[in-house]
Amino acid sequence: MSARAWATFAAVSVLWGIPYLFIKIAVDDGLSPFFVAWARVVLGAVVLVAFARHAGVLGALRGHWRWLAAFAVVEIALPFPLIAEGERHVSSSLAAILIAAAPLFVALLALRFDRAERAGGLRLVGLVVGLAGVVALMGIDVAGRPDELAGAAAILLAALGYAIGPMILKHRLAGLDPRAVMGAALTLAAVPLTPAAALTWPEAMPFAEALVALAVLGLLCSALALVLMAELVADIGPGRALVVTYINPVVAVVLGIAVLGESLGPGAFAGLVLILLGSWLSTDGRLPPGLARRLPRRVGAAGAE
């Protein structure tokens, strides 16, 4: 991974770590999962389509609409409301930790569809460790609670969509401008979400905090994050790009505890530790190139002192 890829990786990790807090705020304020998903999709689509049109890159999408529609469904139209529905029953912290299963689904799908993404060596160990973290969370913190199990299952299904989406991006939409791709995908995703949002439209004006949450979800967590994710997939492939889902829980847990007063159960704590270890191993246990070069010199200097 290049220094630029690491910087993009860090940005996406943060941008996809904060949505769980804002989704929780929106659904707890009474907004339906479909309305939350629709609002963020429409807002993101308006911004990205405007940028893509201004840059003159929309024409390159001709001939790719079938795969754009498939990407829109599995990456946006299904996962967004599933996560919002799941967060009606589980905490924002647990939701983010469960999404970390996405790279595991990539590894399973790669057995059939993508030889280059097949995990081996340290990457395979990392994926297994990450899976152990998900199992610990599910088996300890939500076992025996039907509502929470249903919410967790919805979030895991969203994680499967997040695994399929980048593979479509890599194999069918590579080389296209990410602003055009994501703007078109958000627009297409809004089509099936619109009727569901209309049926669950809020009866009164949402509270100010819910409106702020929708704005953050649309502009930062959808528009900006999707463009950066597309660039990351192009640079390092979907398997490694989705390791951001191992970092997201750290951001989500910190925000959940600090802002919402959430707490981690023993399963969530064990899962978080295992998932972080799995993240490191899944990138072959390597540090960013600049840090890797500087660290030995700093250790040597410290020893000389």
C-alpha atoms as a PDB file:
ATOM      1  CA  MET A   1       0.000   0.000   0.000  1.00  0.00           C
ATOM      2  CA  SER A   2       1.308   3.434  -0.959  1.00  0.00           C
ATOM      3  CA  ALA A   3       1.332   6.432   1.368  1.00  0.00           C
ATOM      4  CA  ARG A   4      -1.609   7.845  -0.594  1.00  0.00           C
ATOM      5  CA  ALA A   5      -3.558   4.604  -0.161  1.00  0.00           C
ATOM      6  CA  TRP A   6      -2.906   4.676   3.576  1.00  0.00           C
ATOM      7  CA  ALA A   7      -4.163   8.275   3.766  1.00  0.00           C
ATOM      8  CA  THR A   8      -7.322   7.363   1.842  1.00  0.00           C
ATOM      9  CA  PHE A   9      -7.730   4.297   4.031  1.00  0.00           C
ATOM     10  CA  ALA A  10      -7.557   6.460   7.168  1.00  0.00           C
ATOM     11  CA  ALA A  11     -10.083   8.955   5.810  1.00  0.00           C
ATOM     12  CA  VAL A  12     -12.598   6.250   4.843  1.00  0.00           C
ATOM     13  CA  SER A  13     -12.117   4.544   8.204  1.00  0.00           C
ATOM     14  CA  VAL A  14     -13.205   7.722   9.971  1.00  0.00           C
ATOM     15  CA  LEU A  15     -15.988   8.625   7.528  1.00  0.00           C
ATOM     16  CA  TRP A  16     -17.460   5.128   7.786  1.00  0.00           C
ATOM     17  CA  GLY A  17     -16.984   5.041  11.532  1.00  0.00           C
ATOM     18  CA  ILE A  18     -19.259   8.013  12.244  1.00  0.00           C
ATOM     19  CA  PRO A  19     -22.479   6.966  10.386  1.00  0.00           C
ATOM     20  CA  TYR A  20     -23.575   4.588  13.134  1.00  0.00           C
ATOM     21  CA  LEU A  21     -23.833   7.425  15.636  1.00  0.00           C
ATOM     22  CA  PHE A  22     -25.891   9.580  13.282  1.00  0.00           C
ATOM     23  CA  ILE A  23     -28.097   6.692  12.143  1.00  0.00           C
ATOM     24  CA  LYS A  24     -28.829   5.940  15.792  1.00  0.00           C
ATOM     25  CA  ILE A  25     -29.705   9.586  16.435  1.00  0.00           C
ATOM     26  CA  ALA A  26     -32.054   9.657  13.434  1.00  0.00           C
ATOM     27  CA  VAL A  27     -33.927   6.407  14.181  1.00  0.00           C
ATOM     28  CA  ASP A  28     -34.148   7.205  17.902  1.00  0.00           C
ATOM     29  CA  ASP A  29     -35.797  10.492  16.931  1.00  0.00           C
ATOM     30  CA  GLY A  30     -38.541   8.477  15.229  1.00  0.00           C
ATOM     31  CA  LEU A  31     -37.420   8.527  11.595  1.00  0.00           C
ATOM     32  CA  SER A  32     -38.010   5.250   9.763  1.00  0.00           C
ATOM     33  CA  PRO A  33     -35.036   3.239   8.438  1.00  0.00           C
ATOM     34  CA  PHE A  34     -36.289   3.705   4.873  1.00  0.00           C
ATOM     35  CA  PHE A  35     -36.631   7.469   5.257  1.00  0.00           C
ATOM     36  CA  VAL A  36     -33.141   7.764   6.773  1.00  0.00           C
ATOM     37  CA  ALA A  37     -31.660   5.729   3.920  1.00  0.00           C
ATOM     38  CA  TRP A  38     -33.594   7.674   1.273  1.00  0.00           C
ATOM     39  CA  ALA A  39     -32.632  11.081   2.665  1.00  0.00           C
ATOM     40  CA  ARG A  40     -28.909  10.345   2.775  1.00  0.00           C
ATOM     41  CA  VAL A  41     -28.987   8.771  -0.689  1.00  0.00           C
ATOM     42  CA  VAL A  42     -30.823  11.667  -2.322  1.00  0.00           C
ATOM     43  CA  LEU A  43     -28.606  14.284  -0.693  1.00  0.00           C
ATOM     44  CA  GLY A  44     -25.442  12.443  -1.710  1.00  0.00           C
ATOM     45  CA  ALA A  45     -26.745  11.923  -5.257  1.00  0.00           C
ATOM     46  CA  VAL A  46     -27.519  15.612  -5.775  1.00  0.00           C
ATOM     47  CA  VAL A  47     -24.020  16.631  -4.721  1.00  0.00           C
ATOM     48  CA  LEU A  48     -22.091  14.001  -6.689  1.00  0.00           C
ATOM     49  CA  VAL A  49     -24.126  14.229  -9.877  1.00  0.00           C
ATOM     50  CA  ALA A  50     -23.623  18.000  -9.846  1.00  0.00           C
ATOM     51  CA  PHE A  51     -19.853  17.597  -9.448  1.00  0.00           C
ATOM     52  CA  ALA A  52     -19.689  14.863 -12.108  1.00  0.00           C
ATOM     53  CA  ARG A  53     -21.735  16.912 -14.558  1.00  0.00           C
ATOM     54  CA  HIS A  54     -19.563  19.964 -13.997  1.00  0.00           C
ATOM     55  CA  ALA A  55     -16.465  17.823 -14.646  1.00  0.00           C
ATOM     56  CA  GLY A  56     -18.022  16.370 -17.803  1.00  0.00           C
ATOM     57  CA  VAL A  57     -17.504  12.731 -16.785  1.00  0.00           C
ATOM     58  CA  LEU A  58     -21.078  11.420 -16.825  1.00  0.00           C
ATOM     59  CA  GLY A  59     -20.879  10.398 -20.496  1.00  0.00           C
ATOM     60  CA  ALA A  60     -18.353   7.686 -19.657  1.00  0.00           C
ATOM     61  CA  LEU A  61     -21.091   5.727 -17.885  1.00  0.00           C
ATOM     62  CA  ARG A  62     -22.769   4.708 -21.157  1.00  0.00           C
ATOM     63  CA  GLY A  63     -22.908   0.940 -21.487  1.00  0.00           C
ATOM     64  CA  HIS A  64     -22.371   0.363 -17.774  1.00  0.00           C
ATOM     65  CA  TRP A  65     -25.873   0.929 -16.418  1.00  0.00           C
ATOM     66  CA  ARG A  66     -26.628  -2.730 -15.729  1.00  0.00           C
ATOM     67  CA  TRP A  67     -23.650  -3.093 -13.419  1.00  0.00           C
ATOM     68  CA  LEU A  68     -24.218   0.342 -11.930  1.00  0.00           C
ATOM     69  CA  ALA A  69     -27.737  -0.777 -10.985  1.00  0.00           C
ATOM     70  CA  ALA A  70     -26.392  -3.999  -9.452  1.00  0.00           C
ATOM     71  CA  PHE A  71     -23.813  -2.028  -7.475  1.00  0.00           C
ATOM     72  CA  ALA A  72     -26.460   0.460  -6.327  1.00  0.00           C
ATOM     73  CA  VAL A  73     -28.658  -2.337  -4.971  1.00  0.00           C
ATOM     74  CA  VAL A  74     -26.049  -4.356  -3.075  1.00  0.00           C
ATOM     75  CA  GLU A  75     -23.925  -1.446  -1.848  1.00  0.00           C
ATOM     76  CA  ILE A  76     -26.589   1.183  -1.080  1.00  0.00           C
ATOM     77  CA  ALA A  77     -30.272   0.369  -1.539  1.00  0.00           C
ATOM     78  CA  LEU A  78     -30.191  -2.757   0.639  1.00  0.00           C
ATOM     79  CA  PRO A  79     -27.452  -2.080   3.242  1.00  0.00           C
ATOM     80  CA  PHE A  80     -28.493   1.465   4.177  1.00  0.00           C
ATOM     81  CA  PRO A  81     -32.026   0.608   5.405  1.00  0.00           C
ATOM     82  CA  LEU A  82     -30.837  -2.733   6.837  1.00  0.00           C
ATOM     83  CA  ILE A  83     -28.287  -0.982   9.047  1.00  0.00           C
ATOM     84  CA  ALA A  84     -30.841   1.616  10.124  1.00  0.00           C
ATOM     85  CA  GLU A  85     -33.343  -1.153  10.932  1.00  0.00           C
ATOM     86  CA  GLY A  86     -30.680  -3.056  12.842  1.00  0.00           C
ATOM     87  CA  GLU A  87     -29.837  -0.005  14.926  1.00  0.00           C
ATOM     88  CA  ARG A  88     -33.413   0.114  16.172  1.00  0.00           C
ATOM     89  CA  HIS A  89     -32.499  -2.984  18.198  1.00  0.00           C
ATOM     90  CA  VAL A  90     -28.746  -2.839  18.840  1.00  0.00           C
ATOM     91  CA  SER A  91     -26.340  -0.083  19.798  1.00  0.00           C
ATOM     92  CA  SER A  92     -24.374   1.919  17.267  1.00  0.00           C
ATOM     93  CA  SER A  93     -21.174   0.354  18.612  1.00  0.00           C
ATOM     94  CA  LEU A  94     -22.375  -3.201  18.023  1.00  0.00           C
ATOM     95  CA  ALA A  95     -23.610  -2.287  14.545  1.00  0.00           C
ATOM     96  CA  ALA A  96     -20.179  -1.022  13.526  1.00  0.00           C
ATOM     97  CA  ILE A  97     -18.442  -4.078  14.961  1.00  0.00           C
ATOM     98  CA  LEU A  98     -20.763  -6.429  13.057  1.00  0.00           C
ATOM     99  CA  ILE A  99     -20.129  -4.631   9.755  1.00  0.00           C
ATOM    100  CA  ALA A 100     -16.515  -5.710  10.211  1.00  0.00           C
ATOM    101  CA  ALA A 101     -17.610  -9.093   8.850  1.00  0.00           C
ATOM    102  CA  ALA A 102     -17.527  -7.651   5.303  1.00  0.00           C
ATOM    103  CA  PRO A 103     -13.922  -8.730   4.514  1.00  0.00           C
ATOM    104  CA  LEU A 104     -14.822 -12.232   5.663  1.00  0.00           C
ATOM    105  CA  PHE A 105     -17.600 -12.348   3.074  1.00  0.00           C
ATOM    106  CA  VAL A 106     -15.122 -11.119   0.441  1.00  0.00           C
ATOM    107  CA  ALA A 107     -12.841 -14.039   1.288  1.00  0.00           C
ATOM    108  CA  LEU A 108     -15.719 -16.497   0.897  1.00  0.00           C
ATOM    109  CA  LEU A 109     -16.943 -14.966  -2.369  1.00  0.00           C
ATOM    110  CA  ALA A 110     -13.389 -14.861  -3.720  1.00  0.00           C
ATOM    111  CA  LEU A 111     -13.242 -18.662  -3.617  1.00  0.00           C
ATOM    112  CA  ARG A 112     -15.618 -18.623  -6.576  1.00  0.00           C
ATOM    113  CA  PHE A 113     -15.382 -15.198  -8.187  1.00  0.00           C
ATOM    114  CA  ASP A 114     -11.965 -13.563  -7.646  1.00  0.00           C
ATOM    115  CA  ARG A 115      -8.749 -15.542  -7.430  1.00  0.00           C
ATOM    116  CA  ALA A 116      -6.704 -12.400  -6.757  1.00  0.00           C
ATOM    117  CA  GLU A 117      -8.674 -11.706  -3.571  1.00  0.00           C
ATOM    118  CA  ARG A 118      -8.312 -15.194  -2.093  1.00  0.00           C
ATOM    119  CA  ALA A 119      -6.851 -14.936   1.378  1.00  0.00           C
ATOM    120  CA  GLY A 120      -3.698 -16.793   2.308  1.00  0.00           C
ATOM    121  CA  GLY A 121      -0.917 -16.601   4.875  1.00  0.00           C
ATOM    122  CA  LEU A 122      -1.241 -13.712   7.314  1.00  0.00           C
ATOM    123  CA  ARG A 123      -4.320 -12.393   5.507  1.00  0.00           C
ATOM    124  CA  LEU A 124      -6.133 -15.669   6.080  1.00  0.00           C
ATOM    125  CA  VAL A 125      -5.126 -15.706   9.736  1.00  0.00           C
ATOM    126  CA  GLY A 126      -6.374 -12.148  10.075  1.00  0.00           C
ATOM    127  CA  LEU A 127      -9.722 -12.991   8.524  1.00  0.00           C
ATOM    128  CA  VAL A 128     -10.159 -15.980  10.840  1.00  0.00           C
ATOM    129  CA  VAL A 129      -9.282 -13.860  13.872  1.00  0.00           C
ATOM    130  CA  GLY A 130     -11.777 -11.228  12.741  1.00  0.00           C
ATOM    131  CA  LEU A 131     -14.460 -13.896  12.336  1.00  0.00           C
ATOM    132  CA  ALA A 132     -13.729 -15.120  15.864  1.00  0.00           C
ATOM    133  CA  GLY A 133     -14.418 -11.583  17.059  1.00  0.00           C
ATOM    134  CA  VAL A 134     -17.806 -11.519  15.320  1.00  0.00           C
ATOM    135  CA  VAL A 135     -18.681 -14.922  16.785  1.00  0.00           C
ATOM    136  CA  ALA A 136     -17.703 -13.750  20.270  1.00  0.00           C
ATOM    137  CA  LEU A 137     -19.912 -10.699  19.967  1.00  0.00           C
ATOM    138  CA  MET A 138     -22.921 -12.611  18.640  1.00  0.00           C
ATOM    139  CA  GLY A 139     -22.541 -15.519  21.042  1.00  0.00           C
ATOM    140  CA  ILE A 140     -22.080 -13.514  24.224  1.00  0.00           C
ATOM    141  CA  ASP A 141     -23.812 -10.140  23.912  1.00  0.00           C
ATOM    142  CA  VAL A 142     -26.916 -10.782  21.786  1.00  0.00           C
ATOM    143  CA  ALA A 143     -27.564 -14.527  22.132  1.00  0.00           C
ATOM    144  CA  GLY A 144     -31.001 -15.286  23.559  1.00  0.00           C
ATOM    145  CA  ARG A 145     -32.441 -11.849  22.728  1.00  0.00           C
ATOM    146  CA  PRO A 146     -34.715 -12.225  19.680  1.00  0.00           C
ATOM    147  CA  ASP A 147     -35.004  -8.507  18.848  1.00  0.00           C
ATOM    148  CA  GLU A 148     -31.267  -7.935  19.097  1.00  0.00           C
ATOM    149  CA  LEU A 149     -30.530 -11.108  17.125  1.00  0.00           C
ATOM    150  CA  ALA A 150     -32.848  -9.915  14.346  1.00  0.00           C
ATOM    151  CA  GLY A 151     -31.158  -6.517  14.343  1.00  0.00           C
ATOM    152  CA  ALA A 152     -27.716  -8.110  14.258  1.00  0.00           C
ATOM    153  CA  ALA A 153     -28.776 -10.405  11.401  1.00  0.00           C
ATOM    154  CA  ALA A 154     -29.955  -7.398   9.379  1.00  0.00           C
ATOM    155  CA  ILE A 155     -26.586  -5.721   9.874  1.00  0.00           C
ATOM    156  CA  LEU A 156     -24.689  -8.872   8.866  1.00  0.00           C
ATOM    157  CA  LEU A 157     -26.790  -9.026   5.694  1.00  0.00           C
ATOM    158  CA  ALA A 158     -25.755  -5.427   5.019  1.00  0.00           C
ATOM    159  CA  ALA A 159     -22.128  -6.513   5.495  1.00  0.00           C
ATOM    160  CA  LEU A 160     -22.635  -9.115   2.760  1.00  0.00           C
ATOM    161  CA  GLY A 161     -23.809  -6.337   0.431  1.00  0.00           C
ATOM    162  CA  TYR A 162     -20.749  -4.291   1.362  1.00  0.00           C
ATOM    163  CA  ALA A 163     -18.604  -7.263   0.315  1.00  0.00           C
ATOM    164  CA  ILE A 164     -20.287  -7.761  -3.069  1.00  0.00           C
ATOM    165  CA  GLY A 165     -20.292  -4.066  -4.009  1.00  0.00           C
ATOM    166  CA  PRO A 166     -16.520  -3.494  -4.155  1.00  0.00           C
ATOM    167  CA  MET A 167     -16.078  -6.686  -6.187  1.00  0.00           C
ATOM    168  CA  ILE A 168     -18.499  -5.316  -8.798  1.00  0.00           C
ATOM    169  CA  LEU A 169     -16.629  -2.022  -8.655  1.00  0.00           C
ATOM    170  CA  LYS A 170     -13.294  -3.715  -9.290  1.00  0.00           C
ATOM    171  CA  HIS A 171     -14.337  -6.044 -12.107  1.00  0.00           C
ATOM    172  CA  ARG A 172     -17.117  -4.157 -13.922  1.00  0.00           C
ATOM    173  CA  LEU A 173     -16.728  -0.449 -13.212  1.00  0.00           C
ATOM    174  CA  ALA A 174     -12.956  -0.014 -12.996  1.00  0.00           C
ATOM    175  CA  GLY A 175     -11.449   2.994 -14.733  1.00  0.00           C
ATOM    176  CA  LEU A 176     -14.573   5.135 -14.479  1.00  0.00           C
ATOM    177  CA  ASP A 177     -14.577   8.444 -12.633  1.00  0.00           C
ATOM    178  CA  PRO A 178     -15.624   7.708  -9.013  1.00  0.00           C
ATOM    179  CA  ARG A 179     -17.757  10.865  -8.814  1.00  0.00           C
ATOM    180  CA  ALA A 180     -19.783   9.730 -11.806  1.00  0.00           C
ATOM    181  CA  VAL A 181     -20.034   6.127 -10.613  1.00  0.00           C
ATOM    182  CA  MET A 182     -21.133   6.986  -7.082  1.00  0.00           C
ATOM    183  CA  GLY A 183     -23.440   9.795  -8.178  1.00  0.00           C
ATOM    184  CA  ALA A 184     -25.172   7.453 -10.609  1.00  0.00           C
ATOM    185  CA  ALA A 185     -25.297   4.637  -8.050  1.00  0.00           C
ATOM    186  CA  LEU A 186     -26.867   6.878  -5.413  1.00  0.00           C
ATOM    187  CA  THR A 187     -29.417   8.111  -7.965  1.00  0.00           C
ATOM    188  CA  LEU A 188     -30.325   4.554  -8.962  1.00  0.00           C
ATOM    189  CA  ALA A 189     -30.549   3.487  -5.311  1.00  0.00           C
ATOM    190  CA  ALA A 190     -33.021   6.293  -4.639  1.00  0.00           C
ATOM    191  CA  VAL A 191     -35.516   4.746  -7.087  1.00  0.00           C
ATOM    192  CA  PRO A 192     -36.515   1.686  -4.996  1.00  0.00           C
ATOM    193  CA  LEU A 193     -36.121   3.607  -1.736  1.00  0.00           C
ATOM    194  CA  THR A 194     -38.514   6.414  -2.714  1.00  0.00           C
ATOM    195  CA  PRO A 195     -41.825   4.460  -2.423  1.00  0.00           C
ATOM    196  CA  ALA A 196     -40.776   2.971   0.926  1.00  0.00           C
ATOM    197  CA  ALA A 197     -39.722   6.400   2.200  1.00  0.00           C
ATOM    198  CA  ALA A 198     -43.044   7.898   1.041  1.00  0.00           C
ATOM    199  CA  LEU A 199     -44.981   5.271   2.978  1.00  0.00           C
ATOM    200  CA  THR A 200     -43.005   5.992   6.152  1.00  0.00           C
ATOM    201  CA  TRP A 201     -42.674   9.761   5.745  1.00  0.00           C
ATOM    202  CA  PRO A 202     -42.396  11.539   9.135  1.00  0.00           C
ATOM    203  CA  GLU A 203     -45.672  13.039  10.303  1.00  0.00           C
ATOM    204  CA  ALA A 204     -43.930  16.099  11.766  1.00  0.00           C
ATOM    205  CA  MET A 205     -40.763  18.033  11.053  1.00  0.00           C
ATOM    206  CA  PRO A 206     -37.789  16.059  12.455  1.00  0.00           C
ATOM    207  CA  PHE A 207     -35.857  17.531  15.357  1.00  0.00           C
ATOM    208  CA  ALA A 208     -32.827  19.665  14.562  1.00  0.00           C
ATOM    209  CA  GLU A 209     -30.406  16.936  15.677  1.00  0.00           C
ATOM    210  CA  ALA A 210     -32.055  14.479  13.270  1.00  0.00           C
ATOM    211  CA  LEU A 211     -31.737  16.958  10.393  1.00  0.00           C
ATOM    212  CA  VAL A 212     -28.049  17.462  11.185  1.00  0.00           C
ATOM    213  CA  ALA A 213     -27.617  13.695  11.308  1.00  0.00           C
ATOM    214  CA  LEU A 214     -29.182  13.324   7.843  1.00  0.00           C
ATOM    215  CA  ALA A 215     -26.946  16.060   6.443  1.00  0.00           C
ATOM    216  CA  VAL A 216     -23.795  14.394   7.793  1.00  0.00           C
ATOM    217  CA  LEU A 217     -24.940  11.003   6.509  1.00  0.00           C
ATOM    218  CA  GLY A 218     -25.647  12.361   3.029  1.00  0.00           C
ATOM    219  CA  LEU A 219     -22.699  14.682   2.470  1.00  0.00           C
ATOM    220  CA  LEU A 220     -19.852  13.028   4.360  1.00  0.00           C
ATOM    221  CA  CYS A 221     -20.768   9.392   4.981  1.00  0.00           C
ATOM    222  CA  SER A 222     -22.327   8.816   1.553  1.00  0.00           C
ATOM    223  CA  ALA A 223     -21.050  11.267  -1.068  1.00  0.00           C
ATOM    224  CA  LEU A 224     -17.468  11.829   0.112  1.00  0.00           C
ATOM    225  CA  ALA A 225     -16.880   8.391   1.638  1.00  0.00           C
ATOM    226  CA  LEU A 226     -18.133   6.483  -1.419  1.00  0.00           C
ATOM    227  CA  VAL A 227     -15.860   8.444  -3.768  1.00  0.00           C
ATOM    228  CA  LEU A 228     -12.845   7.817  -1.546  1.00  0.00           C
ATOM    229  CA  MET A 229     -13.774   4.142  -1.217  1.00  0.00           C
ATOM    230  CA  ALA A 230     -13.921   3.792  -5.001  1.00  0.00           C
ATOM    231  CA  GLU A 231     -10.417   5.246  -5.261  1.00  0.00           C
ATOM    232  CA  LEU A 232      -9.195   2.884  -2.529  1.00  0.00           C
ATOM    233  CA  VAL A 233     -10.647  -0.191  -4.259  1.00  0.00           C
ATOM    234  CA  ALA A 234      -8.920   0.873  -7.476  1.00  0.00           C
ATOM    235  CA  ASP A 235      -5.595   1.223  -5.633  1.00  0.00           C
ATOM    236  CA  ILE A 236      -5.519  -1.870  -3.421  1.00  0.00           C
ATOM    237  CA  GLY A 237      -8.476  -4.122  -4.329  1.00  0.00           C
ATOM    238  CA  PRO A 238     -11.762  -4.828  -2.523  1.00  0.00           C
ATOM    239  CA  GLY A 239     -10.415  -7.274   0.053  1.00  0.00           C
ATOM    240  CA  ARG A 240      -7.878  -4.922   1.544  1.00  0.00           C
ATOM    241  CA  ALA A 241     -10.068  -1.870   1.036  1.00  0.00           C
ATOM    242  CA  LEU A 242     -12.774  -3.459   3.163  1.00  0.00           C
ATOM    243  CA  VAL A 243     -10.356  -3.753   6.072  1.00  0.00           C
ATOM    244  CA  VAL A 244     -11.650  -0.251   6.844  1.00  0.00           C
ATOM    245  CA  THR A 245     -14.591  -2.119   8.379  1.00  0.00           C
ATOM    246  CA  TYR A 246     -12.148  -3.389  11.003  1.00  0.00           C
ATOM    247  CA  ILE A 247     -11.136   0.163  11.920  1.00  0.00           C
ATOM    248  CA  ASN A 248     -14.623   1.698  11.816  1.00  0.00           C
ATOM    249  CA  PRO A 249     -15.707   0.085  15.109  1.00  0.00           C
ATOM    250  CA  VAL A 250     -13.045   1.972  17.048  1.00  0.00           C
ATOM    251  CA  VAL A 251     -14.450   5.301  15.861  1.00  0.00           C
ATOM    252  CA  ALA A 252     -18.042   4.125  16.381  1.00  0.00           C
ATOM    253  CA  VAL A 253     -17.385   2.760  19.877  1.00  0.00           C
ATOM    254  CA  VAL A 254     -15.662   5.948  21.022  1.00  0.00           C
ATOM    255  CA  LEU A 255     -18.530   8.088  19.702  1.00  0.00           C
ATOM    256  CA  GLY A 256     -21.185   5.718  21.063  1.00  0.00           C
ATOM    257  CA  ILE A 257     -19.684   5.849  24.555  1.00  0.00           C
ATOM    258  CA  ALA A 258     -18.892   9.569  24.534  1.00  0.00           C
ATOM    259  CA  VAL A 259     -22.085  10.877  22.891  1.00  0.00           C
ATOM    260  CA  LEU A 260     -24.783   8.249  23.458  1.00  0.00           C
ATOM    261  CA  GLY A 261     -23.595   6.802  26.755  1.00  0.00           C
ATOM    262  CA  GLU A 262     -23.345   3.274  25.344  1.00  0.00           C
ATOM    263  CA  SER A 263     -21.249   0.609  27.029  1.00  0.00           C
ATOM    264  CA  LEU A 264     -19.480  -2.479  25.730  1.00  0.00           C
ATOM    265  CA  GLY A 265     -20.432  -5.914  27.008  1.00  0.00           C
ATOM    266  CA  PRO A 266     -17.796  -8.645  27.369  1.00  0.00           C
ATOM    267  CA  GLY A 267     -18.608 -10.057  23.918  1.00  0.00           C
ATOM    268  CA  ALA A 268     -18.309  -6.665  22.235  1.00  0.00           C
ATOM    269  CA  PHE A 269     -15.023  -5.934  23.992  1.00  0.00           C
ATOM    270  CA  ALA A 270     -13.558  -9.318  23.014  1.00  0.00           C
ATOM    271  CA  GLY A 271     -14.891  -8.912  19.492  1.00  0.00           C
ATOM    272  CA  LEU A 272     -13.393  -5.462  19.121  1.00  0.00           C
ATOM    273  CA  VAL A 273      -9.936  -6.631  20.242  1.00  0.00           C
ATOM    274  CA  LEU A 274      -9.992  -9.639  17.910  1.00  0.00           C
ATOM    275  CA  ILE A 275     -11.251  -7.553  14.998  1.00  0.00           C
ATOM    276  CA  LEU A 276      -8.472  -4.987  15.446  1.00  0.00           C
ATOM    277  CA  LEU A 277      -5.883  -7.767  15.497  1.00  0.00           C
ATOM    278  CA  GLY A 278      -7.484  -9.254  12.401  1.00  0.00           C
ATOM    279  CA  SER A 279      -7.255  -5.864  10.685  1.00  0.00           C
ATOM    280  CA  TRP A 280      -3.526  -5.636  11.261  1.00  0.00           C
ATOM    281  CA  LEU A 281      -2.896  -9.175  10.098  1.00  0.00           C
ATOM    282  CA  SER A 282      -5.131  -8.704   7.039  1.00  0.00           C
ATOM    283  CA  THR A 283      -2.774  -6.000   5.791  1.00  0.00           C
ATOM    284  CA  ASP A 284       0.116  -8.493   6.173  1.00  0.00           C
ATOM    285  CA  GLY A 285       1.127  -6.991   9.507  1.00  0.00           C
ATOM    286  CA  ARG A 286       2.789  -4.032   7.851  1.00  0.00           C
ATOM    287  CA  LEU A 287       3.036  -0.396   8.881  1.00  0.00           C
ATOM    288  CA  PRO A 288       2.505   2.571   6.536  1.00  0.00           C
ATOM    289  CA  PRO A 289       5.685   3.027   4.446  1.00  0.00           C
ATOM    290  CA  GLY A 290       6.702   6.378   5.928  1.00  0.00           C
ATOM    291  CA  LEU A 291       6.240   5.154   9.504  1.00  0.00           C
ATOM    292  CA  ALA A 292       7.981   1.866   8.741  1.00  0.00           C
ATOM    293  CA  ARG A 293      11.070   3.759   7.535  1.00  0.00           C
ATOM    294  CA  ARG A 294      11.179   6.184  10.466  1.00  0.00           C
ATOM    295  CA  LEU A 295      10.430   3.770  13.302  1.00  0.00           C
ATOM    296  CA  PRO A 296      13.769   1.849  13.255  1.00  0.00           C
ATOM    297  CA  ARG A 297      15.706   5.127  13.310  1.00  0.00           C
ATOM    298  CA  ARG A 298      13.673   6.393  16.255  1.00  0.00           C
ATOM    299  CA  VAL A 299      14.137   3.137  18.161  1.00  0.00           C
ATOM    300  CA  GLY A 300      17.859   3.257  17.473  1.00  0.00           C
ATOM    301  CA  ALA A 301      18.073   6.845  18.636  1.00  0.00           C
ATOM    302  CA  ALA A 302      16.196   6.018  21.800  1.00  0.00           C
ATOM    303  CA  GLY A 303      18.606   3.138  22.489  1.00  0.00           C
ATOM    304  CA  ALA A 304      21.612   5.434  22.027  1.00  0.00           C
ATOM    305  CA  GLU A 305      20.253   7.764  24.661  1.00  0.00           C
END
